[in-house]
Amino acid sequence: MKINKKYENIVFTFLMAFGMSCLISFFMMLITLGFSHFVFLNWLKSWGIAFLFAFPAAYFFPRVIRKVMRTITFVESD
């Protein structure tokens, strides 16, 4: 598959948000419900909702965090 280089950041962000929201929602469902009450369809719904929030957050947060990081001066401790 070939994708234009200008879309690299958005594809990377999409894949990271996809994987992280999938993994986190899966384990949160297991923690909350336990393995015996885990329902695959409920997890898919939960993951879908998590992804709707994860993708925009993964896209915009780094920009904001980079701006904040530019205002911080890091020094070597003595």
N, C-alpha and C. Protein backbone atom coordinates (compact mmCIF):
# COMPACT_ATOMS: atom_id res chain seq x y z
N MET A 1 0.85 -1.17 0.00
CA MET A 1 0.00 0.00 0.00
C MET A 1 0.89 1.23 0.00
N LYS A 2 0.58 2.17 -0.85
CA LYS A 2 1.34 3.41 -0.92
C LYS A 2 0.42 4.57 -0.54
N ILE A 3 0.91 5.40 0.36
CA ILE A 3 0.17 6.58 0.81
C ILE A 3 1.11 7.77 0.72
N ASN A 4 0.59 8.88 0.29
CA ASN A 4 1.38 10.11 0.17
C ASN A 4 2.02 10.46 1.51
N LYS A 5 3.26 10.89 1.48
CA LYS A 5 4.03 11.23 2.67
C LYS A 5 3.34 12.28 3.54
N LYS A 6 2.57 13.17 2.92
CA LYS A 6 1.93 14.24 3.70
C LYS A 6 0.87 13.69 4.65
N TYR A 7 0.43 12.44 4.46
CA TYR A 7 -0.56 11.83 5.34
C TYR A 7 0.08 10.95 6.42
N GLU A 8 1.38 10.94 6.49
CA GLU A 8 2.08 10.06 7.43
C GLU A 8 1.65 10.32 8.87
N ASN A 9 1.58 11.58 9.29
CA ASN A 9 1.23 11.91 10.67
C ASN A 9 -0.19 11.46 11.01
N ILE A 10 -1.13 11.70 10.12
CA ILE A 10 -2.51 11.32 10.40
C ILE A 10 -2.69 9.81 10.42
N VAL A 11 -2.00 9.09 9.55
CA VAL A 11 -2.08 7.62 9.54
C VAL A 11 -1.45 7.05 10.81
N PHE A 12 -0.30 7.59 11.20
CA PHE A 12 0.36 7.15 12.43
C PHE A 12 -0.56 7.39 13.63
N THR A 13 -1.15 8.59 13.71
CA THR A 13 -2.05 8.93 14.81
C THR A 13 -3.26 8.00 14.83
N PHE A 14 -3.82 7.74 13.66
CA PHE A 14 -4.97 6.85 13.55
C PHE A 14 -4.62 5.46 14.08
N LEU A 15 -3.50 4.91 13.64
CA LEU A 15 -3.11 3.56 14.05
C LEU A 15 -2.80 3.49 15.54
N MET A 16 -2.15 4.52 16.08
CA MET A 16 -1.85 4.54 17.51
C MET A 16 -3.13 4.62 18.33
N ALA A 17 -4.03 5.51 17.95
CA ALA A 17 -5.30 5.64 18.67
C ALA A 17 -6.12 4.36 18.55
N PHE A 18 -6.10 3.75 17.39
CA PHE A 18 -6.81 2.49 17.16
C PHE A 18 -6.31 1.42 18.13
N GLY A 19 -5.01 1.22 18.14
CA GLY A 19 -4.42 0.18 18.99
C GLY A 19 -4.57 0.46 20.47
N MET A 20 -4.30 1.69 20.87
CA MET A 20 -4.37 2.02 22.29
C MET A 20 -5.80 1.97 22.81
N SER A 21 -6.76 2.50 22.07
CA SER A 21 -8.14 2.48 22.55
C SER A 21 -8.66 1.04 22.61
N CYS A 22 -8.24 0.21 21.66
CA CYS A 22 -8.63 -1.19 21.65
C CYS A 22 -8.09 -1.90 22.89
N LEU A 23 -6.82 -1.76 23.15
CA LEU A 23 -6.18 -2.43 24.27
C LEU A 23 -6.70 -1.93 25.62
N ILE A 24 -6.79 -0.62 25.77
CA ILE A 24 -7.22 -0.06 27.04
C ILE A 24 -8.67 -0.41 27.33
N SER A 25 -9.55 -0.27 26.34
CA SER A 25 -10.96 -0.60 26.59
C SER A 25 -11.13 -2.09 26.89
N PHE A 26 -10.35 -2.94 26.24
CA PHE A 26 -10.42 -4.38 26.50
C PHE A 26 -10.08 -4.68 27.95
N PHE A 27 -8.96 -4.15 28.43
CA PHE A 27 -8.55 -4.45 29.80
C PHE A 27 -9.44 -3.76 30.84
N MET A 28 -9.95 -2.59 30.52
CA MET A 28 -10.86 -1.94 31.46
C MET A 28 -12.16 -2.74 31.59
N MET A 29 -12.63 -3.31 30.49
CA MET A 29 -13.83 -4.16 30.56
C MET A 29 -13.54 -5.41 31.38
N LEU A 30 -12.36 -6.00 31.20
CA LEU A 30 -12.02 -7.19 31.98
C LEU A 30 -11.91 -6.86 33.46
N ILE A 31 -11.30 -5.72 33.77
CA ILE A 31 -11.17 -5.32 35.17
C ILE A 31 -12.53 -5.04 35.78
N THR A 32 -13.37 -4.35 35.05
CA THR A 32 -14.68 -3.97 35.57
C THR A 32 -15.64 -5.16 35.68
N LEU A 33 -15.71 -5.97 34.65
CA LEU A 33 -16.70 -7.05 34.61
C LEU A 33 -16.15 -8.40 35.03
N GLY A 34 -14.85 -8.59 34.91
CA GLY A 34 -14.28 -9.90 35.16
C GLY A 34 -14.39 -10.76 33.91
N PHE A 35 -13.55 -11.77 33.81
CA PHE A 35 -13.50 -12.59 32.60
C PHE A 35 -14.80 -13.37 32.38
N SER A 36 -15.43 -13.79 33.46
CA SER A 36 -16.63 -14.62 33.31
C SER A 36 -17.83 -13.84 32.77
N HIS A 37 -17.89 -12.55 33.02
CA HIS A 37 -19.01 -11.72 32.56
C HIS A 37 -18.64 -10.88 31.34
N PHE A 38 -17.44 -11.07 30.84
CA PHE A 38 -16.99 -10.29 29.68
C PHE A 38 -17.82 -10.65 28.46
N VAL A 39 -18.37 -9.64 27.81
CA VAL A 39 -19.19 -9.85 26.61
C VAL A 39 -18.53 -9.13 25.46
N PHE A 40 -18.17 -9.90 24.44
CA PHE A 40 -17.44 -9.37 23.30
C PHE A 40 -18.15 -8.19 22.64
N LEU A 41 -19.44 -8.29 22.44
CA LEU A 41 -20.19 -7.22 21.77
C LEU A 41 -20.21 -5.94 22.60
N ASN A 42 -20.29 -6.07 23.92
CA ASN A 42 -20.21 -4.88 24.78
C ASN A 42 -18.84 -4.23 24.66
N TRP A 43 -17.81 -5.07 24.58
CA TRP A 43 -16.47 -4.51 24.42
C TRP A 43 -16.33 -3.78 23.09
N LEU A 44 -16.85 -4.33 22.02
CA LEU A 44 -16.78 -3.66 20.72
C LEU A 44 -17.45 -2.30 20.76
N LYS A 45 -18.59 -2.23 21.40
CA LYS A 45 -19.29 -0.95 21.54
C LYS A 45 -18.45 0.02 22.37
N SER A 46 -17.93 -0.46 23.48
CA SER A 46 -17.10 0.37 24.35
C SER A 46 -15.85 0.85 23.62
N TRP A 47 -15.23 -0.05 22.86
CA TRP A 47 -14.03 0.32 22.11
C TRP A 47 -14.35 1.37 21.05
N GLY A 48 -15.46 1.22 20.37
CA GLY A 48 -15.85 2.19 19.35
C GLY A 48 -16.01 3.59 19.93
N ILE A 49 -16.62 3.67 21.09
CA ILE A 49 -16.78 4.97 21.75
C ILE A 49 -15.42 5.50 22.19
N ALA A 50 -14.59 4.62 22.74
CA ALA A 50 -13.26 5.05 23.18
C ALA A 50 -12.44 5.58 22.01
N PHE A 51 -12.56 4.94 20.85
CA PHE A 51 -11.80 5.39 19.68
C PHE A 51 -12.26 6.76 19.21
N LEU A 52 -13.55 7.04 19.31
CA LEU A 52 -14.05 8.36 18.91
C LEU A 52 -13.43 9.48 19.73
N PHE A 53 -13.05 9.19 20.96
CA PHE A 53 -12.37 10.19 21.79
C PHE A 53 -10.85 10.11 21.65
N ALA A 54 -10.34 8.90 21.47
CA ALA A 54 -8.89 8.70 21.42
C ALA A 54 -8.26 9.32 20.19
N PHE A 55 -8.90 9.21 19.05
CA PHE A 55 -8.30 9.72 17.81
C PHE A 55 -8.13 11.23 17.83
N PRO A 56 -9.16 12.02 18.13
CA PRO A 56 -8.94 13.47 18.20
C PRO A 56 -7.95 13.86 19.30
N ALA A 57 -8.02 13.16 20.43
CA ALA A 57 -7.08 13.47 21.51
C ALA A 57 -5.64 13.19 21.09
N ALA A 58 -5.42 12.06 20.43
CA ALA A 58 -4.07 11.70 19.98
C ALA A 58 -3.58 12.66 18.88
N TYR A 59 -4.50 13.26 18.17
CA TYR A 59 -4.12 14.18 17.10
C TYR A 59 -3.81 15.58 17.64
N PHE A 60 -4.61 16.07 18.58
CA PHE A 60 -4.44 17.45 19.06
C PHE A 60 -3.56 17.59 20.30
N PHE A 61 -3.56 16.62 21.20
CA PHE A 61 -2.77 16.75 22.43
C PHE A 61 -1.28 16.97 22.18
N PRO A 62 -0.65 16.25 21.27
CA PRO A 62 0.78 16.48 21.06
C PRO A 62 1.09 17.93 20.66
N ARG A 63 0.24 18.55 19.90
CA ARG A 63 0.46 19.94 19.51
C ARG A 63 0.44 20.85 20.73
N VAL A 64 -0.54 20.64 21.59
CA VAL A 64 -0.65 21.46 22.81
C VAL A 64 0.52 21.18 23.74
N ILE A 65 0.85 19.93 23.90
CA ILE A 65 1.94 19.56 24.80
C ILE A 65 3.27 20.11 24.30
N ARG A 66 3.50 20.10 22.98
CA ARG A 66 4.74 20.69 22.44
C ARG A 66 4.83 22.18 22.76
N LYS A 67 3.71 22.89 22.69
CA LYS A 67 3.70 24.32 23.02
C LYS A 67 4.03 24.53 24.50
N VAL A 68 3.46 23.70 25.35
CA VAL A 68 3.75 23.80 26.78
C VAL A 68 5.21 23.47 27.04
N MET A 69 5.73 22.44 26.38
CA MET A 69 7.12 22.04 26.58
C MET A 69 8.10 23.14 26.17
N ARG A 70 7.74 23.94 25.18
CA ARG A 70 8.61 25.05 24.76
C ARG A 70 8.72 26.13 25.83
N THR A 71 7.75 26.20 26.74
CA THR A 71 7.77 27.21 27.78
C THR A 71 8.57 26.76 29.00
N ILE A 72 8.94 25.51 29.06
CA ILE A 72 9.67 24.96 30.20
C ILE A 72 11.15 24.95 29.89
N THR A 73 11.93 25.39 30.86
CA THR A 73 13.39 25.34 30.72
C THR A 73 13.91 24.18 31.57
N PHE A 74 14.57 23.27 30.93
CA PHE A 74 15.14 22.12 31.63
C PHE A 74 16.62 22.38 31.88
N VAL A 75 17.07 22.09 33.10
CA VAL A 75 18.47 22.32 33.45
C VAL A 75 19.05 21.05 34.05
N GLU A 76 20.33 20.91 33.94
CA GLU A 76 21.03 19.78 34.58
C GLU A 76 21.13 20.07 36.07
N SER A 77 20.87 19.06 36.89
CA SER A 77 21.01 19.27 38.34
C SER A 77 22.47 19.14 38.72
N ASP A 78 22.84 19.87 39.76
CA ASP A 78 24.25 19.85 40.21
C ASP A 78 24.51 18.72 41.15
